[in-house]
N, C-alpha and C. Protein backbone atom coordinates (compact mmCIF):
# COMPACT_ATOMS: atom_id res chain seq x y z
N GLY A 1 -24.22 -4.25 -36.40
CA GLY A 1 -24.16 -2.71 -37.07
C GLY A 1 -24.66 -1.65 -36.08
N GLU A 2 -25.59 -2.85 -34.64
CA GLU A 2 -25.91 -1.73 -33.76
C GLU A 2 -24.46 -1.06 -32.84
N ARG A 3 -23.76 -0.34 -32.21
CA ARG A 3 -23.43 0.51 -31.27
C ARG A 3 -23.46 0.33 -29.38
N LEU A 4 -23.19 -0.36 -29.21
CA LEU A 4 -23.31 -0.41 -28.06
C LEU A 4 -22.08 0.22 -27.12
N GLN A 5 -22.63 1.15 -25.70
CA GLN A 5 -21.60 1.56 -25.25
C GLN A 5 -21.21 0.77 -23.70
N ILE A 6 -20.28 1.00 -22.98
CA ILE A 6 -20.28 -0.08 -21.80
C ILE A 6 -19.13 1.22 -20.74
N HIS A 7 -19.95 1.62 -19.47
CA HIS A 7 -19.93 2.65 -19.25
C HIS A 7 -19.13 1.94 -17.85
N PRO A 8 -17.84 1.55 -17.47
CA PRO A 8 -17.73 0.87 -16.30
C PRO A 8 -17.67 2.43 -14.88
N SER A 9 -17.50 2.18 -13.95
CA SER A 9 -17.81 3.05 -12.31
C SER A 9 -17.18 2.50 -10.97
N VAL A 10 -15.95 3.24 -10.45
CA VAL A 10 -16.39 2.23 -9.50
C VAL A 10 -17.42 2.97 -8.40
N ILE A 11 -18.23 1.81 -7.29
CA ILE A 11 -19.12 2.89 -6.94
C ILE A 11 -18.75 2.56 -5.09
N GLU A 12 -17.90 1.47 -5.38
CA GLU A 12 -17.52 1.70 -3.87
C GLU A 12 -15.56 0.89 -3.14
N TRP A 13 -15.31 1.81 -2.48
CA TRP A 13 -14.01 1.08 -1.86
C TRP A 13 -14.04 0.71 -1.16
N ARG A 14 -13.36 -0.32 -0.16
CA ARG A 14 -13.24 -1.17 0.54
C ARG A 14 -11.20 -1.35 1.35
N ASP A 15 -11.03 -1.70 2.08
CA ASP A 15 -9.86 -1.72 2.63
C ASP A 15 -9.23 -2.31 0.95
N LYS A 16 -9.27 -3.64 0.76
CA LYS A 16 -8.89 -4.41 0.10
C LYS A 16 -9.55 -4.42 -1.28
N VAL A 17 -10.63 -3.80 -1.30
CA VAL A 17 -11.45 -3.91 -2.43
C VAL A 17 -11.66 -3.13 -3.20
N PHE A 18 -12.14 -3.30 -4.23
CA PHE A 18 -12.99 -2.17 -4.83
C PHE A 18 -14.78 -2.92 -5.84
N VAL A 19 -15.58 -2.07 -5.68
CA VAL A 19 -16.59 -2.43 -6.20
C VAL A 19 -16.86 -2.07 -8.05
N GLN A 20 -17.47 -1.96 -8.54
CA GLN A 20 -17.42 -1.73 -9.66
C GLN A 20 -18.21 -1.70 -10.30
N MET A 21 -19.10 -0.31 -10.94
CA MET A 21 -20.61 -1.36 -12.23
C MET A 21 -19.88 -0.75 -13.31
N HIS A 22 -20.71 -1.82 -13.79
CA HIS A 22 -20.66 -2.16 -15.47
C HIS A 22 -22.10 -1.57 -15.80
N ARG A 23 -22.72 -0.89 -17.26
CA ARG A 23 -23.42 0.03 -17.31
C ARG A 23 -23.43 -0.61 -18.79
N VAL A 24 -24.17 -1.22 -19.93
CA VAL A 24 -24.43 -1.21 -20.89
C VAL A 24 -25.42 -1.00 -21.72
N THR A 25 -25.02 0.34 -22.93
CA THR A 25 -26.65 0.67 -22.84
C THR A 25 -26.26 1.40 -25.15
N ARG A 26 -27.56 1.68 -25.32
CA ARG A 26 -27.03 1.21 -27.32
C ARG A 26 -27.80 2.52 -27.40
N GLY A 27 -27.54 3.67 -27.48
CA GLY A 27 -28.84 5.18 -27.49
C GLY A 27 -28.82 5.25 -26.16
N ASP A 28 -29.96 5.44 -25.78
CA ASP A 28 -29.79 6.04 -24.59
C ASP A 28 -30.91 5.35 -23.74
N ASP A 29 -30.36 3.89 -24.74
CA ASP A 29 -31.68 2.81 -23.74
C ASP A 29 -30.52 1.50 -23.07
N LEU A 30 -30.58 1.74 -21.12
CA LEU A 30 -29.90 -0.01 -20.67
C LEU A 30 -30.17 -1.15 -21.32
N ILE A 31 -29.12 -2.02 -21.67
CA ILE A 31 -29.15 -2.95 -21.97
C ILE A 31 -29.50 -3.82 -20.87
N CYS A 32 -28.23 -3.87 -19.97
CA CYS A 32 -27.92 -4.31 -19.19
C CYS A 32 -27.21 -3.62 -18.02
N GLU A 33 -26.83 -4.14 -16.58
CA GLU A 33 -25.59 -3.41 -15.69
C GLU A 33 -25.50 -4.62 -15.54
N GLY A 34 -24.28 -4.65 -14.69
CA GLY A 34 -23.71 -5.71 -13.54
C GLY A 34 -22.31 -5.41 -12.77
N ARG A 35 -22.62 -6.00 -11.24
CA ARG A 35 -21.57 -4.83 -10.66
C ARG A 35 -20.50 -7.04 -10.00
N GLU A 36 -19.41 -6.17 -10.16
CA GLU A 36 -18.27 -6.72 -9.91
C GLU A 36 -16.96 -6.25 -8.36
N VAL A 37 -16.96 -7.81 -7.97
CA VAL A 37 -16.26 -7.03 -6.80
C VAL A 37 -14.60 -7.13 -7.15
N ARG A 38 -13.61 -6.74 -7.15
CA ARG A 38 -12.28 -6.61 -7.71
C ARG A 38 -11.60 -6.20 -5.82
N ALA A 39 -10.29 -7.47 -6.08
CA ALA A 39 -9.78 -7.58 -5.06
C ALA A 39 -7.86 -7.14 -5.82
N PHE A 40 -7.45 -6.60 -4.66
CA PHE A 40 -5.82 -5.98 -5.04
C PHE A 40 -5.85 -7.33 -4.67
N VAL A 41 -4.22 -7.81 -5.31
CA VAL A 41 -3.50 -9.05 -4.51
C VAL A 41 -2.09 -8.97 -5.04
N LYS A 42 -1.18 -9.46 -4.20
CA LYS A 42 -0.22 -9.68 -4.31
C LYS A 42 0.45 -11.60 -4.31
N ARG A 43 1.60 -11.80 -4.91
CA ARG A 43 2.00 -13.58 -4.29
C ARG A 43 2.67 -13.10 -3.07
N ASP A 44 1.90 -14.47 -2.34
CA ASP A 44 2.53 -15.07 -1.29
C ASP A 44 4.24 -15.13 -1.19
N ALA A 45 4.72 -14.55 -0.43
CA ALA A 45 6.34 -14.62 -0.87
C ALA A 45 6.77 -16.03 -0.48
N ASP A 46 5.85 -16.67 0.90
CA ASP A 46 6.42 -17.97 1.42
C ASP A 46 5.50 -19.22 0.44
N ASN A 47 4.42 -18.79 -0.18
CA ASN A 47 3.59 -19.76 -0.94
C ASN A 47 3.24 -18.98 -2.32
N PRO A 48 4.28 -18.99 -4.07
CA PRO A 48 4.69 -18.41 -4.49
C PRO A 48 3.16 -18.76 -5.56
N ASP A 49 2.19 -19.73 -5.27
CA ASP A 49 1.11 -20.33 -5.50
C ASP A 49 -0.33 -19.42 -5.08
N ARG A 50 -0.12 -19.39 -3.93
CA ARG A 50 -1.18 -18.46 -2.65
C ARG A 50 -0.87 -16.80 -3.25
N LEU A 51 -1.98 -16.41 -3.42
CA LEU A 51 -2.26 -15.16 -3.58
C LEU A 51 -2.69 -14.31 -2.24
N ARG A 52 -1.86 -13.44 -1.79
CA ARG A 52 -2.86 -12.28 -0.12
C ARG A 52 -3.10 -11.08 -1.26
N ALA A 53 -4.89 -10.75 -0.23
CA ALA A 53 -5.34 -9.34 -0.67
C ALA A 53 -4.43 -8.15 -0.24
N ILE A 54 -4.15 -7.22 -0.39
CA ILE A 54 -3.16 -5.61 0.18
C ILE A 54 -4.11 -4.93 0.15
N PRO A 55 -3.59 -3.78 0.72
CA PRO A 55 -4.37 -2.39 0.61
C PRO A 55 -3.94 -1.14 -0.73
N VAL A 56 -5.85 -1.26 -0.69
CA VAL A 56 -5.75 -0.40 -2.34
C VAL A 56 -4.65 0.80 -2.19
N PRO A 57 -3.79 1.19 -3.57
CA PRO A 57 -2.82 1.78 -3.15
C PRO A 57 -4.08 3.65 -3.25
N ASP A 58 -3.68 4.03 -2.52
CA ASP A 58 -4.29 5.87 -3.30
C ASP A 58 -3.77 5.98 -4.23
N ASP A 59 -3.04 6.02 -5.09
CA ASP A 59 -2.93 6.92 -6.54
C ASP A 59 -3.42 5.36 -6.93
N ILE A 60 -3.55 4.64 -7.38
CA ILE A 60 -5.02 3.71 -7.86
C ILE A 60 -6.07 4.66 -7.29
N LYS A 61 -6.84 4.44 -6.33
CA LYS A 61 -7.63 5.30 -6.48
C LYS A 61 -8.24 6.63 -6.27
N ALA A 62 -7.32 7.48 -6.73
CA ALA A 62 -6.73 8.39 -6.50
C ALA A 62 -6.81 8.99 -8.51
N LEU A 63 -6.58 7.64 -8.98
CA LEU A 63 -7.04 7.63 -10.61
C LEU A 63 -8.06 6.97 -10.68
N CYS A 64 -8.96 6.89 -10.06
CA CYS A 64 -9.95 6.15 -10.31
C CYS A 64 -11.23 6.10 -10.07
N SER A 65 -11.50 7.34 -9.82
CA SER A 65 -12.66 8.45 -8.76
C SER A 65 -12.24 9.78 -8.90
């Protein structure tokens, strides 16, 4: 019956990846927080089983900032 809130945010932009912070709260109490690094990728044209990192598009950065 308790309500938890998850607060994601981008804390760092790099060329091909970004670092995201997740904070979980219950009311004013911080329950946990964690970071993850995510990459923007596309399938390799020569080998569709392989992924290649690509630069983060500017429009995505603008929407997430």
